[in-house]
Amino acid sequence: MNKIPSYPTNDHAGGLHLVGPLRLDTFRVNGLVSSHQRAVANRDAVNKQRWSTQKSPAKTVWDKLTDEELNQVNGNIHTLIGLVKARYELTQDEAYKQVKLFFAKDAAPAPVSAAWLHRISAAHALWPGLTPKDLLRTEGQAPRLVSLLQTHYIISLSEAERQVKSFLEALH
């Protein structure tokens, strides 16, 4: 028979005694739910609502994920990161960045192609002055990349075009 673990408290004589079952799922202080617990619950509810509208764009971005796997996510970002990591053989950090970019508030309204999403890390490595969010907004379109390079690196149009062309050709 398994005993429910209890938490110890000090009695007035200086000894320890067990007060009651230890509940790991709820942390209350004087009967109140902690602000952290409320924040986590609110975030999870928002993620579940948001996920219902993001499932279809996610399928477009990560086409290797099945409908069943996407249903499994149910707003849990860590589950999505794990699935993206496994299906696309990415590191934890790369999968995290992709999911973070996908849910970025300022991301382009249209779903970004999966191919470009996978290339953002390479583009950021080549041009570290560009943020992943900046790169995401270009949607992988050469003219937008050229303009972004010119603006951030203050280089000529021909040099920006040469760099973008070289980058895109190297990926094929």
N, C-alpha and C. Protein backbone atom coordinates (compact mmCIF):
# COMPACT_ATOMS: atom_id res chain seq x y z
N MET A 1 0.84 -1.18 0.00
CA MET A 1 0.00 0.00 0.00
C MET A 1 0.88 1.25 0.00
N ASN A 2 0.66 2.14 -0.97
CA ASN A 2 1.46 3.36 -1.08
C ASN A 2 0.90 4.42 -0.16
N LYS A 3 1.79 5.05 0.59
CA LYS A 3 1.38 6.14 1.47
C LYS A 3 1.49 7.44 0.70
N ILE A 4 0.57 8.34 0.95
CA ILE A 4 0.64 9.67 0.36
C ILE A 4 1.69 10.44 1.14
N PRO A 5 2.67 11.04 0.45
CA PRO A 5 3.70 11.77 1.17
C PRO A 5 3.11 12.96 1.90
N SER A 6 3.65 13.26 3.05
CA SER A 6 3.21 14.41 3.83
C SER A 6 4.38 15.36 4.00
N TYR A 7 4.06 16.59 4.31
CA TYR A 7 5.13 17.54 4.51
C TYR A 7 5.32 17.78 6.00
N PRO A 8 6.58 17.94 6.43
CA PRO A 8 6.86 18.12 7.85
C PRO A 8 6.68 19.57 8.28
N THR A 9 6.30 19.77 9.52
CA THR A 9 6.26 21.11 10.10
C THR A 9 6.88 21.04 11.49
N ASN A 10 7.32 22.15 11.96
CA ASN A 10 7.89 22.21 13.31
C ASN A 10 6.77 22.36 14.33
N ASP A 11 6.89 21.61 15.40
CA ASP A 11 5.95 21.88 16.48
C ASP A 11 6.64 22.82 17.46
N HIS A 12 5.93 23.28 18.44
CA HIS A 12 6.50 24.27 19.36
C HIS A 12 7.62 23.70 20.21
N ALA A 13 7.70 22.39 20.34
CA ALA A 13 8.75 21.77 21.15
C ALA A 13 10.03 21.58 20.34
N GLY A 14 10.04 21.98 19.07
CA GLY A 14 11.23 21.88 18.25
C GLY A 14 11.32 20.61 17.44
N GLY A 15 10.35 19.72 17.58
CA GLY A 15 10.37 18.49 16.81
C GLY A 15 9.60 18.63 15.51
N LEU A 16 9.72 17.65 14.64
CA LEU A 16 8.98 17.66 13.37
C LEU A 16 7.84 16.66 13.45
N HIS A 17 6.73 17.01 12.87
CA HIS A 17 5.64 16.05 12.73
C HIS A 17 4.96 16.27 11.39
N LEU A 18 4.26 15.28 10.89
CA LEU A 18 3.61 15.37 9.58
C LEU A 18 2.21 15.93 9.74
N VAL A 19 1.88 16.91 8.92
CA VAL A 19 0.60 17.59 9.04
C VAL A 19 -0.44 16.99 8.12
N GLY A 20 -0.09 16.69 6.89
CA GLY A 20 -1.08 16.19 5.96
C GLY A 20 -0.45 15.87 4.62
N PRO A 21 -1.28 15.43 3.68
CA PRO A 21 -0.72 15.05 2.39
C PRO A 21 -0.09 16.22 1.65
N LEU A 22 1.01 15.95 1.01
CA LEU A 22 1.70 16.94 0.20
C LEU A 22 1.08 16.95 -1.18
N ARG A 23 0.55 18.08 -1.59
CA ARG A 23 -0.07 18.20 -2.90
C ARG A 23 0.86 18.99 -3.80
N LEU A 24 1.41 18.32 -4.79
CA LEU A 24 2.37 18.97 -5.68
C LEU A 24 1.69 19.79 -6.76
N ASP A 25 0.40 19.56 -6.97
CA ASP A 25 -0.28 20.26 -8.05
C ASP A 25 -0.84 21.62 -7.61
N THR A 26 -0.86 21.91 -6.33
CA THR A 26 -1.43 23.16 -5.85
C THR A 26 -0.54 23.75 -4.77
N PHE A 27 -0.24 25.01 -4.90
CA PHE A 27 0.54 25.69 -3.88
C PHE A 27 -0.31 26.85 -3.39
N ARG A 28 -0.72 26.77 -2.15
CA ARG A 28 -1.57 27.81 -1.58
C ARG A 28 -0.88 28.37 -0.34
N VAL A 29 -1.02 29.65 -0.18
CA VAL A 29 -0.52 30.32 1.00
C VAL A 29 -1.73 30.99 1.64
N ASN A 30 -2.03 30.61 2.85
CA ASN A 30 -3.20 31.13 3.56
C ASN A 30 -4.47 30.98 2.73
N GLY A 31 -4.59 29.88 2.00
CA GLY A 31 -5.80 29.60 1.24
C GLY A 31 -5.87 30.30 -0.11
N LEU A 32 -4.86 31.06 -0.49
CA LEU A 32 -4.88 31.80 -1.75
C LEU A 32 -3.98 31.12 -2.79
N VAL A 33 -4.43 31.09 -4.02
CA VAL A 33 -3.62 30.56 -5.11
C VAL A 33 -2.56 31.60 -5.44
N SER A 34 -1.33 31.16 -5.64
CA SER A 34 -0.24 32.10 -5.92
C SER A 34 -0.46 32.80 -7.25
N SER A 35 0.13 33.99 -7.37
CA SER A 35 0.01 34.75 -8.62
C SER A 35 0.68 34.00 -9.77
N HIS A 36 1.76 33.28 -9.47
CA HIS A 36 2.43 32.49 -10.51
C HIS A 36 1.50 31.40 -11.03
N GLN A 37 0.81 30.73 -10.13
CA GLN A 37 -0.11 29.66 -10.53
C GLN A 37 -1.25 30.22 -11.38
N ARG A 38 -1.76 31.39 -11.00
CA ARG A 38 -2.82 32.04 -11.80
C ARG A 38 -2.30 32.40 -13.19
N ALA A 39 -1.08 32.93 -13.24
CA ALA A 39 -0.48 33.32 -14.52
C ALA A 39 -0.31 32.11 -15.43
N VAL A 40 0.15 31.00 -14.86
CA VAL A 40 0.35 29.77 -15.65
C VAL A 40 -1.00 29.27 -16.17
N ALA A 41 -2.02 29.28 -15.32
CA ALA A 41 -3.35 28.82 -15.73
C ALA A 41 -3.91 29.72 -16.84
N ASN A 42 -3.75 31.03 -16.70
CA ASN A 42 -4.23 31.96 -17.73
C ASN A 42 -3.48 31.77 -19.04
N ARG A 43 -2.15 31.59 -18.96
CA ARG A 43 -1.35 31.37 -20.17
C ARG A 43 -1.78 30.09 -20.88
N ASP A 44 -2.00 29.03 -20.11
CA ASP A 44 -2.41 27.76 -20.70
C ASP A 44 -3.76 27.89 -21.39
N ALA A 45 -4.70 28.63 -20.78
CA ALA A 45 -6.03 28.83 -21.38
C ALA A 45 -5.90 29.62 -22.68
N VAL A 46 -5.06 30.65 -22.66
CA VAL A 46 -4.85 31.45 -23.88
C VAL A 46 -4.21 30.59 -24.96
N ASN A 47 -3.20 29.78 -24.57
CA ASN A 47 -2.54 28.93 -25.55
C ASN A 47 -3.52 27.96 -26.20
N LYS A 48 -4.44 27.38 -25.41
CA LYS A 48 -5.42 26.44 -25.96
C LYS A 48 -6.36 27.14 -26.93
N GLN A 49 -6.82 28.35 -26.57
CA GLN A 49 -7.70 29.11 -27.47
C GLN A 49 -6.95 29.51 -28.74
N ARG A 50 -5.74 29.99 -28.56
CA ARG A 50 -4.94 30.43 -29.70
C ARG A 50 -4.58 29.25 -30.60
N TRP A 51 -4.32 28.10 -30.00
CA TRP A 51 -3.92 26.94 -30.78
C TRP A 51 -5.02 26.51 -31.74
N SER A 52 -6.26 26.64 -31.34
CA SER A 52 -7.36 26.22 -32.22
C SER A 52 -7.33 27.00 -33.54
N THR A 53 -6.87 28.24 -33.51
CA THR A 53 -6.77 29.02 -34.74
C THR A 53 -5.42 28.87 -35.43
N GLN A 54 -4.41 28.40 -34.69
CA GLN A 54 -3.06 28.29 -35.25
C GLN A 54 -2.73 26.91 -35.79
N LYS A 55 -3.61 25.94 -35.56
CA LYS A 55 -3.33 24.56 -35.97
C LYS A 55 -3.13 24.45 -37.48
N SER A 56 -3.99 25.09 -38.25
CA SER A 56 -3.90 25.00 -39.71
C SER A 56 -2.61 25.67 -40.23
N PRO A 57 -2.29 26.90 -39.78
CA PRO A 57 -1.01 27.48 -40.21
C PRO A 57 0.19 26.65 -39.76
N ALA A 58 0.10 26.02 -38.60
CA ALA A 58 1.20 25.17 -38.12
C ALA A 58 1.39 23.98 -39.05
N LYS A 59 0.29 23.44 -39.55
CA LYS A 59 0.37 22.31 -40.48
C LYS A 59 1.06 22.73 -41.77
N THR A 60 0.83 23.99 -42.18
CA THR A 60 1.47 24.52 -43.38
C THR A 60 2.98 24.67 -43.15
N VAL A 61 3.35 25.16 -41.97
CA VAL A 61 4.76 25.39 -41.68
C VAL A 61 5.49 24.07 -41.44
N TRP A 62 4.89 23.19 -40.62
CA TRP A 62 5.52 21.92 -40.28
C TRP A 62 4.70 20.79 -40.90
N ASP A 63 4.84 20.62 -42.19
CA ASP A 63 4.00 19.65 -42.92
C ASP A 63 4.32 18.20 -42.58
N LYS A 64 5.42 17.95 -41.90
CA LYS A 64 5.73 16.57 -41.49
C LYS A 64 4.93 16.14 -40.26
N LEU A 65 4.33 17.10 -39.56
CA LEU A 65 3.52 16.77 -38.39
C LEU A 65 2.14 16.30 -38.84
N THR A 66 1.65 15.24 -38.23
CA THR A 66 0.34 14.71 -38.59
C THR A 66 -0.75 15.50 -37.88
N ASP A 67 -1.98 15.35 -38.37
CA ASP A 67 -3.12 16.01 -37.72
C ASP A 67 -3.27 15.53 -36.28
N GLU A 68 -3.03 14.24 -36.08
CA GLU A 68 -3.12 13.68 -34.73
C GLU A 68 -2.10 14.32 -33.79
N GLU A 69 -0.88 14.51 -34.29
CA GLU A 69 0.15 15.14 -33.47
C GLU A 69 -0.21 16.59 -33.16
N LEU A 70 -0.74 17.30 -34.15
CA LEU A 70 -1.14 18.68 -33.92
C LEU A 70 -2.28 18.78 -32.92
N ASN A 71 -3.19 17.82 -32.94
CA ASN A 71 -4.26 17.79 -31.94
C ASN A 71 -3.70 17.52 -30.56
N GLN A 72 -2.65 16.72 -30.50
CA GLN A 72 -1.99 16.38 -29.24
C GLN A 72 -1.40 17.62 -28.57
N VAL A 73 -0.96 18.57 -29.36
CA VAL A 73 -0.32 19.77 -28.83
C VAL A 73 -1.27 20.52 -27.89
N ASN A 74 -2.49 20.75 -28.32
CA ASN A 74 -3.53 21.38 -27.50
C ASN A 74 -3.04 22.61 -26.76
N GLY A 75 -2.25 23.44 -27.43
CA GLY A 75 -1.79 24.69 -26.84
C GLY A 75 -0.52 24.56 -26.00
N ASN A 76 0.01 23.36 -25.83
CA ASN A 76 1.21 23.18 -25.03
C ASN A 76 2.44 23.39 -25.92
N ILE A 77 3.10 24.49 -25.71
CA ILE A 77 4.23 24.87 -26.54
C ILE A 77 5.37 23.87 -26.42
N HIS A 78 5.57 23.32 -25.22
CA HIS A 78 6.66 22.35 -25.03
C HIS A 78 6.41 21.08 -25.83
N THR A 79 5.15 20.68 -25.95
CA THR A 79 4.81 19.51 -26.77
C THR A 79 5.13 19.80 -28.23
N LEU A 80 4.76 20.99 -28.70
CA LEU A 80 5.03 21.37 -30.08
C LEU A 80 6.54 21.41 -30.34
N ILE A 81 7.29 21.97 -29.43
CA ILE A 81 8.75 22.01 -29.59
C ILE A 81 9.31 20.60 -29.70
N GLY A 82 8.84 19.70 -28.86
CA GLY A 82 9.31 18.32 -28.90
C GLY A 82 8.99 17.64 -30.21
N LEU A 83 7.78 17.87 -30.73
CA LEU A 83 7.39 17.27 -32.00
C LEU A 83 8.20 17.82 -33.17
N VAL A 84 8.39 19.14 -33.19
CA VAL A 84 9.18 19.77 -34.25
C VAL A 84 10.62 19.26 -34.19
N LYS A 85 11.16 19.16 -32.98
CA LYS A 85 12.52 18.66 -32.80
C LYS A 85 12.66 17.24 -33.35
N ALA A 86 11.71 16.39 -33.03
CA ALA A 86 11.79 14.98 -33.44
C ALA A 86 11.58 14.81 -34.94
N ARG A 87 10.54 15.44 -35.48
CA ARG A 87 10.21 15.24 -36.90
C ARG A 87 11.24 15.85 -37.85
N TYR A 88 11.83 16.98 -37.45
CA TYR A 88 12.76 17.67 -38.35
C TYR A 88 14.22 17.48 -37.92
N GLU A 89 14.44 16.63 -36.91
CA GLU A 89 15.79 16.32 -36.43
C GLU A 89 16.58 17.59 -36.13
N LEU A 90 16.00 18.45 -35.30
CA LEU A 90 16.61 19.71 -34.91
C LEU A 90 17.12 19.61 -33.48
N THR A 91 17.96 20.55 -33.11
CA THR A 91 18.35 20.64 -31.70
C THR A 91 17.19 21.27 -30.94
N GLN A 92 17.23 21.14 -29.63
CA GLN A 92 16.19 21.73 -28.79
C GLN A 92 16.11 23.24 -29.04
N ASP A 93 17.27 23.88 -29.14
CA ASP A 93 17.33 25.32 -29.33
C ASP A 93 16.73 25.73 -30.68
N GLU A 94 17.05 24.99 -31.75
CA GLU A 94 16.51 25.31 -33.07
C GLU A 94 14.99 25.14 -33.09
N ALA A 95 14.51 24.07 -32.49
CA ALA A 95 13.06 23.83 -32.45
C ALA A 95 12.38 24.93 -31.65
N TYR A 96 12.97 25.32 -30.53
CA TYR A 96 12.42 26.39 -29.70
C TYR A 96 12.32 27.69 -30.50
N LYS A 97 13.39 28.01 -31.24
CA LYS A 97 13.40 29.25 -32.02
C LYS A 97 12.31 29.24 -33.09
N GLN A 98 12.13 28.10 -33.75
CA GLN A 98 11.09 28.02 -34.77
C GLN A 98 9.70 28.22 -34.18
N VAL A 99 9.45 27.58 -33.06
CA VAL A 99 8.13 27.70 -32.43
C VAL A 99 7.93 29.13 -31.92
N LYS A 100 8.97 29.69 -31.35
CA LYS A 100 8.89 31.07 -30.86
C LYS A 100 8.59 32.04 -32.01
N LEU A 101 9.28 31.85 -33.13
CA LEU A 101 9.03 32.69 -34.30
C LEU A 101 7.61 32.51 -34.82
N PHE A 102 7.15 31.29 -34.79
CA PHE A 102 5.80 31.00 -35.28
C PHE A 102 4.74 31.76 -34.48
N PHE A 103 4.95 31.84 -33.17
CA PHE A 103 3.97 32.50 -32.31
C PHE A 103 4.28 33.97 -32.05
N ALA A 104 5.32 34.51 -32.69
CA ALA A 104 5.69 35.91 -32.47
C ALA A 104 4.51 36.82 -32.82
N LYS A 105 4.24 37.75 -31.95
CA LYS A 105 3.08 38.64 -32.13
C LYS A 105 3.21 39.49 -33.40
N ASP A 106 4.43 39.90 -33.70
CA ASP A 106 4.63 40.78 -34.85
C ASP A 106 4.97 40.04 -36.12
N ALA A 107 4.79 38.72 -36.13
CA ALA A 107 5.12 37.94 -37.31
C ALA A 107 4.18 38.29 -38.46
N ALA A 108 4.61 37.98 -39.64
CA ALA A 108 3.78 38.22 -40.82
C ALA A 108 2.44 37.51 -40.66
N PRO A 109 1.34 38.13 -41.09
CA PRO A 109 0.05 37.51 -40.91
C PRO A 109 -0.14 36.21 -41.68
N ALA A 110 0.47 36.10 -42.84
CA ALA A 110 0.34 34.88 -43.62
C ALA A 110 1.33 33.85 -43.09
N PRO A 111 0.97 32.57 -43.13
CA PRO A 111 1.91 31.56 -42.67
C PRO A 111 3.19 31.59 -43.51
N VAL A 112 4.30 31.44 -42.85
CA VAL A 112 5.60 31.44 -43.50
C VAL A 112 5.88 30.02 -43.99
N SER A 113 6.49 29.92 -45.15
CA SER A 113 6.77 28.59 -45.69
C SER A 113 7.72 27.84 -44.77
N ALA A 114 7.54 26.55 -44.70
CA ALA A 114 8.40 25.71 -43.87
C ALA A 114 9.85 25.82 -44.32
N ALA A 115 10.07 25.90 -45.63
CA ALA A 115 11.43 25.99 -46.14
C ALA A 115 12.13 27.24 -45.60
N TRP A 116 11.45 28.38 -45.63
CA TRP A 116 12.07 29.61 -45.14
C TRP A 116 12.26 29.56 -43.63
N LEU A 117 11.32 28.99 -42.93
CA LEU A 117 11.44 28.89 -41.49
C LEU A 117 12.70 28.11 -41.11
N HIS A 118 13.03 27.07 -41.87
CA HIS A 118 14.22 26.28 -41.60
C HIS A 118 15.50 27.02 -41.99
N ARG A 119 15.41 27.97 -42.90
CA ARG A 119 16.58 28.70 -43.37
C ARG A 119 16.91 29.92 -42.53
N ILE A 120 15.98 30.32 -41.67
CA ILE A 120 16.19 31.53 -40.88
C ILE A 120 17.44 31.40 -40.01
N SER A 121 17.66 30.24 -39.43
CA SER A 121 18.85 30.05 -38.58
C SER A 121 20.13 30.26 -39.38
N ALA A 122 20.15 29.73 -40.60
CA ALA A 122 21.33 29.89 -41.46
C ALA A 122 21.52 31.36 -41.84
N ALA A 123 20.42 32.05 -42.15
CA ALA A 123 20.49 33.46 -42.51
C ALA A 123 20.99 34.29 -41.33
N HIS A 124 20.50 33.96 -40.13
CA HIS A 124 20.91 34.69 -38.93
C HIS A 124 22.39 34.44 -38.64
N ALA A 125 22.88 33.23 -38.91
CA ALA A 125 24.30 32.93 -38.71
C ALA A 125 25.16 33.74 -39.68
N LEU A 126 24.68 33.90 -40.90
CA LEU A 126 25.42 34.65 -41.92
C LEU A 126 25.37 36.16 -41.65
N TRP A 127 24.19 36.64 -41.25
CA TRP A 127 23.98 38.05 -40.99
C TRP A 127 23.52 38.23 -39.54
N PRO A 128 24.43 38.17 -38.57
CA PRO A 128 24.04 38.22 -37.16
C PRO A 128 23.40 39.54 -36.73
N GLY A 129 23.58 40.58 -37.53
CA GLY A 129 22.96 41.87 -37.21
C GLY A 129 21.46 41.87 -37.46
N LEU A 130 20.96 40.86 -38.17
CA LEU A 130 19.52 40.75 -38.43
C LEU A 130 18.90 39.83 -37.40
N THR A 131 17.80 40.25 -36.84
CA THR A 131 17.14 39.40 -35.85
C THR A 131 16.32 38.34 -36.56
N PRO A 132 16.08 37.21 -35.91
CA PRO A 132 15.21 36.20 -36.51
C PRO A 132 13.83 36.76 -36.86
N LYS A 133 13.34 37.70 -36.05
CA LYS A 133 12.03 38.30 -36.33
C LYS A 133 12.09 39.12 -37.63
N ASP A 134 13.20 39.86 -37.84
CA ASP A 134 13.38 40.61 -39.09
C ASP A 134 13.38 39.65 -40.27
N LEU A 135 14.13 38.56 -40.13
CA LEU A 135 14.23 37.58 -41.20
C LEU A 135 12.88 36.92 -41.48
N LEU A 136 12.13 36.66 -40.44
CA LEU A 136 10.81 36.05 -40.60
C LEU A 136 9.90 36.96 -41.42
N ARG A 137 9.98 38.24 -41.15
CA ARG A 137 9.11 39.21 -41.86
C ARG A 137 9.40 39.27 -43.36
N THR A 138 10.61 38.91 -43.77
CA THR A 138 10.92 38.95 -45.20
C THR A 138 10.23 37.83 -45.97
N GLU A 139 9.78 36.80 -45.24
CA GLU A 139 9.13 35.63 -45.83
C GLU A 139 10.02 34.95 -46.87
N GLY A 140 11.33 35.19 -46.78
CA GLY A 140 12.26 34.56 -47.70
C GLY A 140 12.29 35.18 -49.08
N GLN A 141 11.63 36.32 -49.24
CA GLN A 141 11.59 36.98 -50.55
C GLN A 141 12.88 37.79 -50.75
N ALA A 142 13.56 37.51 -51.86
CA ALA A 142 14.86 38.13 -52.14
C ALA A 142 14.82 39.66 -52.07
N PRO A 143 13.82 40.34 -52.69
CA PRO A 143 13.82 41.81 -52.61
C PRO A 143 13.74 42.33 -51.18
N ARG A 144 12.97 41.66 -50.35
CA ARG A 144 12.86 42.08 -48.95
C ARG A 144 14.18 41.85 -48.20
N LEU A 145 14.82 40.72 -48.49
CA LEU A 145 16.12 40.44 -47.87
C LEU A 145 17.16 41.48 -48.29
N VAL A 146 17.15 41.81 -49.57
CA VAL A 146 18.09 42.82 -50.08
C VAL A 146 17.89 44.14 -49.36
N SER A 147 16.64 44.56 -49.26
CA SER A 147 16.33 45.83 -48.58
C SER A 147 16.75 45.79 -47.11
N LEU A 148 16.51 44.68 -46.46
CA LEU A 148 16.89 44.53 -45.06
C LEU A 148 18.41 44.61 -44.88
N LEU A 149 19.15 43.95 -45.77
CA LEU A 149 20.61 44.01 -45.71
C LEU A 149 21.12 45.43 -45.92
N GLN A 150 20.57 46.11 -46.91
CA GLN A 150 20.99 47.48 -47.17
C GLN A 150 20.77 48.37 -45.95
N THR A 151 19.62 48.22 -45.33
CA THR A 151 19.27 49.05 -44.18
C THR A 151 20.15 48.76 -42.97
N HIS A 152 20.34 47.49 -42.65
CA HIS A 152 21.07 47.14 -41.43
C HIS A 152 22.59 47.21 -41.58
N TYR A 153 23.08 46.91 -42.76
CA TYR A 153 24.53 46.88 -42.95
C TYR A 153 25.07 48.06 -43.76
N ILE A 154 24.17 48.92 -44.20
CA ILE A 154 24.55 50.11 -44.98
C ILE A 154 25.51 49.71 -46.10
N ILE A 155 25.02 48.86 -46.99
CA ILE A 155 25.80 48.41 -48.15
C ILE A 155 25.04 48.77 -49.41
N SER A 156 25.73 48.71 -50.53
CA SER A 156 25.12 49.07 -51.82
C SER A 156 24.08 48.03 -52.23
N LEU A 157 23.20 48.44 -53.13
CA LEU A 157 22.18 47.54 -53.66
C LEU A 157 22.83 46.34 -54.33
N SER A 158 23.86 46.56 -55.13
CA SER A 158 24.50 45.46 -55.84
C SER A 158 25.16 44.47 -54.87
N GLU A 159 25.77 44.97 -53.80
CA GLU A 159 26.40 44.10 -52.81
C GLU A 159 25.33 43.30 -52.06
N ALA A 160 24.23 43.94 -51.69
CA ALA A 160 23.15 43.24 -50.99
C ALA A 160 22.55 42.16 -51.89
N GLU A 161 22.35 42.49 -53.16
CA GLU A 161 21.81 41.50 -54.11
C GLU A 161 22.76 40.32 -54.28
N ARG A 162 24.07 40.61 -54.35
CA ARG A 162 25.06 39.56 -54.50
C ARG A 162 25.03 38.61 -53.28
N GLN A 163 24.97 39.18 -52.08
CA GLN A 163 24.95 38.36 -50.87
C GLN A 163 23.69 37.49 -50.79
N VAL A 164 22.55 38.08 -51.11
CA VAL A 164 21.29 37.33 -51.05
C VAL A 164 21.29 36.23 -52.10
N LYS A 165 21.74 36.54 -53.31
CA LYS A 165 21.78 35.53 -54.37
C LYS A 165 22.70 34.38 -53.96
N SER A 166 23.85 34.70 -53.43
CA SER A 166 24.80 33.68 -52.99
C SER A 166 24.20 32.82 -51.87
N PHE A 167 23.53 33.46 -50.94
CA PHE A 167 22.91 32.73 -49.82
C PHE A 167 21.83 31.79 -50.32
N LEU A 168 20.94 32.28 -51.16
CA LEU A 168 19.83 31.45 -51.65
C LEU A 168 20.32 30.31 -52.53
N GLU A 169 21.34 30.55 -53.34
CA GLU A 169 21.89 29.48 -54.20
C GLU A 169 22.57 28.41 -53.36
N ALA A 170 23.24 28.80 -52.28
CA ALA A 170 23.93 27.85 -51.43
C ALA A 170 22.95 26.91 -50.72
N LEU A 171 21.72 27.33 -50.55
CA LEU A 171 20.73 26.52 -49.85
C LEU A 171 20.07 25.48 -50.76
N HIS A 172 20.21 25.64 -52.04
CA HIS A 172 19.56 24.69 -52.97
C HIS A 172 20.45 23.56 -53.32
